[in-house]
Amino acid sequence: MIFHRIVKTSAPTAQDFTPVVARGLAVRLPPELERFQSGLSAYRTLRQAAAKARRYPSLGSYIAVLDVPHRTTIHTERTTQQRGHYTVWGDAGNLLSCVVAVVPVSEIR
């Protein structure tokens, strides 16, 4: 399955696929939402991810395209009310190995 993750640079690193909990940046959330901090936000389409990146430039200027195999230790779930938003849980190294392309947000229409 293809997912799109906003990243900082054209050469993503494991840091781009490390959730806020693992980086010590978790914030207090209602209990039913806390589990999302152990995952990563991703989008089904390039345009959805680019729209989010344009609204929040601090997230990054590139979109990493991930091809996540069906049989894997990576778990995905459709989450939030945001159109096309998914939460992805998995090892940062495994997620990084799923990157098949990186596209600058500026090139996405």
C-alpha atoms as a PDB file:
ATOM      1  CA  MET A   1       0.000   0.000   0.000  1.00  0.00           C
ATOM      2  CA  ILE A   2       1.280   3.484  -0.841  1.00  0.00           C
ATOM      3  CA  PHE A   3       1.464   6.213   1.809  1.00  0.00           C
ATOM      4  CA  HIS A   4       2.871   9.737   1.776  1.00  0.00           C
ATOM      5  CA  ARG A   5       4.774  11.205   4.717  1.00  0.00           C
ATOM      6  CA  ILE A   6       5.917  14.810   5.096  1.00  0.00           C
ATOM      7  CA  VAL A   7       9.680  14.964   5.727  1.00  0.00           C
ATOM      8  CA  LYS A   8      12.231  17.721   6.256  1.00  0.00           C
ATOM      9  CA  THR A   9      14.770  17.014   3.510  1.00  0.00           C
ATOM     10  CA  SER A  10      15.159  15.319   0.140  1.00  0.00           C
ATOM     11  CA  ALA A  11      17.145  12.554   1.853  1.00  0.00           C
ATOM     12  CA  PRO A  12      14.927  11.287   4.693  1.00  0.00           C
ATOM     13  CA  THR A  13      16.540   9.708   7.724  1.00  0.00           C
ATOM     14  CA  ALA A  14      15.286   7.400  10.455  1.00  0.00           C
ATOM     15  CA  GLN A  15      14.514  10.563  12.466  1.00  0.00           C
ATOM     16  CA  ASP A  16      11.749  11.369   9.936  1.00  0.00           C
ATOM     17  CA  PHE A  17      10.138   8.038  10.847  1.00  0.00           C
ATOM     18  CA  THR A  18      10.604   8.197  14.615  1.00  0.00           C
ATOM     19  CA  PRO A  19       7.398   9.021  16.513  1.00  0.00           C
ATOM     20  CA  VAL A  20       7.206  11.873  19.008  1.00  0.00           C
ATOM     21  CA  VAL A  21       7.017   9.457  21.955  1.00  0.00           C
ATOM     22  CA  ALA A  22      10.378   7.929  21.036  1.00  0.00           C
ATOM     23  CA  ARG A  23      11.873  11.414  20.656  1.00  0.00           C
ATOM     24  CA  GLY A  24      10.584  12.504  24.069  1.00  0.00           C
ATOM     25  CA  LEU A  25       8.260  15.104  22.530  1.00  0.00           C
ATOM     26  CA  ALA A  26       4.877  13.646  23.459  1.00  0.00           C
ATOM     27  CA  VAL A  27       2.215  16.042  24.682  1.00  0.00           C
ATOM     28  CA  ARG A  28      -0.667  15.403  27.028  1.00  0.00           C
ATOM     29  CA  LEU A  29      -3.684  14.132  25.112  1.00  0.00           C
ATOM     30  CA  PRO A  30      -6.976  12.532  26.073  1.00  0.00           C
ATOM     31  CA  PRO A  31      -6.385   8.825  26.819  1.00  0.00           C
ATOM     32  CA  GLU A  32      -8.193   7.684  23.660  1.00  0.00           C
ATOM     33  CA  LEU A  33      -5.738   9.696  21.522  1.00  0.00           C
ATOM     34  CA  GLU A  34      -2.451   8.935  23.288  1.00  0.00           C
ATOM     35  CA  ARG A  35      -1.693   5.870  21.164  1.00  0.00           C
ATOM     36  CA  PHE A  36      -1.422   8.031  18.044  1.00  0.00           C
ATOM     37  CA  GLN A  37       1.749   9.623  19.425  1.00  0.00           C
ATOM     38  CA  SER A  38       3.526   6.286  19.086  1.00  0.00           C
ATOM     39  CA  GLY A  39       2.803   6.325  15.346  1.00  0.00           C
ATOM     40  CA  LEU A  40       3.346   8.662  12.423  1.00  0.00           C
ATOM     41  CA  SER A  41       0.991  10.711  10.299  1.00  0.00           C
ATOM     42  CA  ALA A  42       0.786   9.780   6.642  1.00  0.00           C
ATOM     43  CA  TYR A  43      -1.618  10.382   3.791  1.00  0.00           C
ATOM     44  CA  ARG A  44      -3.064   8.252   1.015  1.00  0.00           C
ATOM     45  CA  THR A  45      -2.310  10.764  -1.739  1.00  0.00           C
ATOM     46  CA  LEU A  46       0.544  13.046  -2.606  1.00  0.00           C
ATOM     47  CA  ARG A  47      -1.852  16.000  -2.871  1.00  0.00           C
ATOM     48  CA  GLN A  48      -3.271  15.413   0.613  1.00  0.00           C
ATOM     49  CA  ALA A  49       0.218  15.354   2.125  1.00  0.00           C
ATOM     50  CA  ALA A  50       1.279  18.423   0.136  1.00  0.00           C
ATOM     51  CA  ALA A  51      -1.802  20.360   1.269  1.00  0.00           C
ATOM     52  CA  LYS A  52      -0.921  19.624   4.901  1.00  0.00           C
ATOM     53  CA  ALA A  53       2.734  20.596   4.332  1.00  0.00           C
ATOM     54  CA  ARG A  54       1.662  23.892   2.772  1.00  0.00           C
ATOM     55  CA  ARG A  55      -0.596  24.665   5.759  1.00  0.00           C
ATOM     56  CA  TYR A  56       2.164  23.759   8.223  1.00  0.00           C
ATOM     57  CA  PRO A  57       5.561  24.490   6.588  1.00  0.00           C
ATOM     58  CA  SER A  58       7.435  23.569   9.762  1.00  0.00           C
ATOM     59  CA  LEU A  59       6.529  19.905   9.122  1.00  0.00           C
ATOM     60  CA  GLY A  60       8.803  19.768   6.094  1.00  0.00           C
ATOM     61  CA  SER A  61       9.198  20.666   2.428  1.00  0.00           C
ATOM     62  CA  TYR A  62       9.259  17.164   0.952  1.00  0.00           C
ATOM     63  CA  ILE A  63       6.942  14.199   0.693  1.00  0.00           C
ATOM     64  CA  ALA A  64       8.392  10.708   1.065  1.00  0.00           C
ATOM     65  CA  VAL A  65       6.454   8.095  -0.883  1.00  0.00           C
ATOM     66  CA  LEU A  66       6.347   4.804   1.017  1.00  0.00           C
ATOM     67  CA  ASP A  67       5.431   1.471  -0.514  1.00  0.00           C
ATOM     68  CA  VAL A  68       4.445  -0.592   2.524  1.00  0.00           C
ATOM     69  CA  PRO A  69       4.219  -4.337   1.810  1.00  0.00           C
ATOM     70  CA  HIS A  70       1.010  -6.126   2.777  1.00  0.00           C
ATOM     71  CA  ARG A  71       2.825  -8.713   4.922  1.00  0.00           C
ATOM     72  CA  THR A  72       4.989  -6.694   7.252  1.00  0.00           C
ATOM     73  CA  THR A  73       5.459  -5.634  10.858  1.00  0.00           C
ATOM     74  CA  ILE A  74       4.291  -2.139   9.863  1.00  0.00           C
ATOM     75  CA  HIS A  75       0.723  -1.448  10.959  1.00  0.00           C
ATOM     76  CA  THR A  76      -1.501   1.219   9.397  1.00  0.00           C
ATOM     77  CA  GLU A  77      -4.883   2.549  10.408  1.00  0.00           C
ATOM     78  CA  ARG A  78      -7.216   5.185   8.960  1.00  0.00           C
ATOM     79  CA  THR A  79      -7.374   7.832  11.704  1.00  0.00           C
ATOM     80  CA  THR A  80      -8.769  11.299  12.452  1.00  0.00           C
ATOM     81  CA  GLN A  81     -11.404  13.225  10.557  1.00  0.00           C
ATOM     82  CA  GLN A  82      -8.801  14.539   8.112  1.00  0.00           C
ATOM     83  CA  ARG A  83      -9.356  13.294   4.591  1.00  0.00           C
ATOM     84  CA  GLY A  84      -6.899  10.533   3.688  1.00  0.00           C
ATOM     85  CA  HIS A  85      -5.077  10.640   7.032  1.00  0.00           C
ATOM     86  CA  TYR A  86      -3.550   7.431   8.371  1.00  0.00           C
ATOM     87  CA  THR A  87      -1.413   6.611  11.349  1.00  0.00           C
ATOM     88  CA  VAL A  88       1.505   4.303  10.646  1.00  0.00           C
ATOM     89  CA  TRP A  89       3.277   2.286  13.344  1.00  0.00           C
ATOM     90  CA  GLY A  90       6.570   0.525  12.705  1.00  0.00           C
ATOM     91  CA  ASP A  91      10.303   0.493  13.218  1.00  0.00           C
ATOM     92  CA  ALA A  92      11.928   3.656  11.826  1.00  0.00           C
ATOM     93  CA  GLY A  93      14.480   1.637   9.858  1.00  0.00           C
ATOM     94  CA  ASN A  94      11.783  -0.530   8.298  1.00  0.00           C
ATOM     95  CA  LEU A  95       9.750   2.524   7.361  1.00  0.00           C
ATOM     96  CA  LEU A  96      12.804   4.228   5.876  1.00  0.00           C
ATOM     97  CA  SER A  97      13.428   1.139   3.739  1.00  0.00           C
ATOM     98  CA  CYS A  98       9.895   1.517   2.293  1.00  0.00           C
ATOM     99  CA  VAL A  99      10.704   4.951   0.781  1.00  0.00           C
ATOM    100  CA  VAL A 100      10.563   4.662  -3.009  1.00  0.00           C
ATOM    101  CA  ALA A 101      10.623   8.376  -3.905  1.00  0.00           C
ATOM    102  CA  VAL A 102      10.881  11.845  -2.398  1.00  0.00           C
ATOM    103  CA  VAL A 103       9.042  14.756  -4.016  1.00  0.00           C
ATOM    104  CA  PRO A 104       9.462  18.463  -3.200  1.00  0.00           C
ATOM    105  CA  VAL A 105       6.182  20.016  -2.084  1.00  0.00           C
ATOM    106  CA  SER A 106       6.860  22.895  -4.498  1.00  0.00           C
ATOM    107  CA  GLU A 107       6.495  20.479  -7.448  1.00  0.00           C
ATOM    108  CA  ILE A 108       3.083  19.168  -6.419  1.00  0.00           C
ATOM    109  CA  ARG A 109       0.024  20.848  -7.883  1.00  0.00           C
END
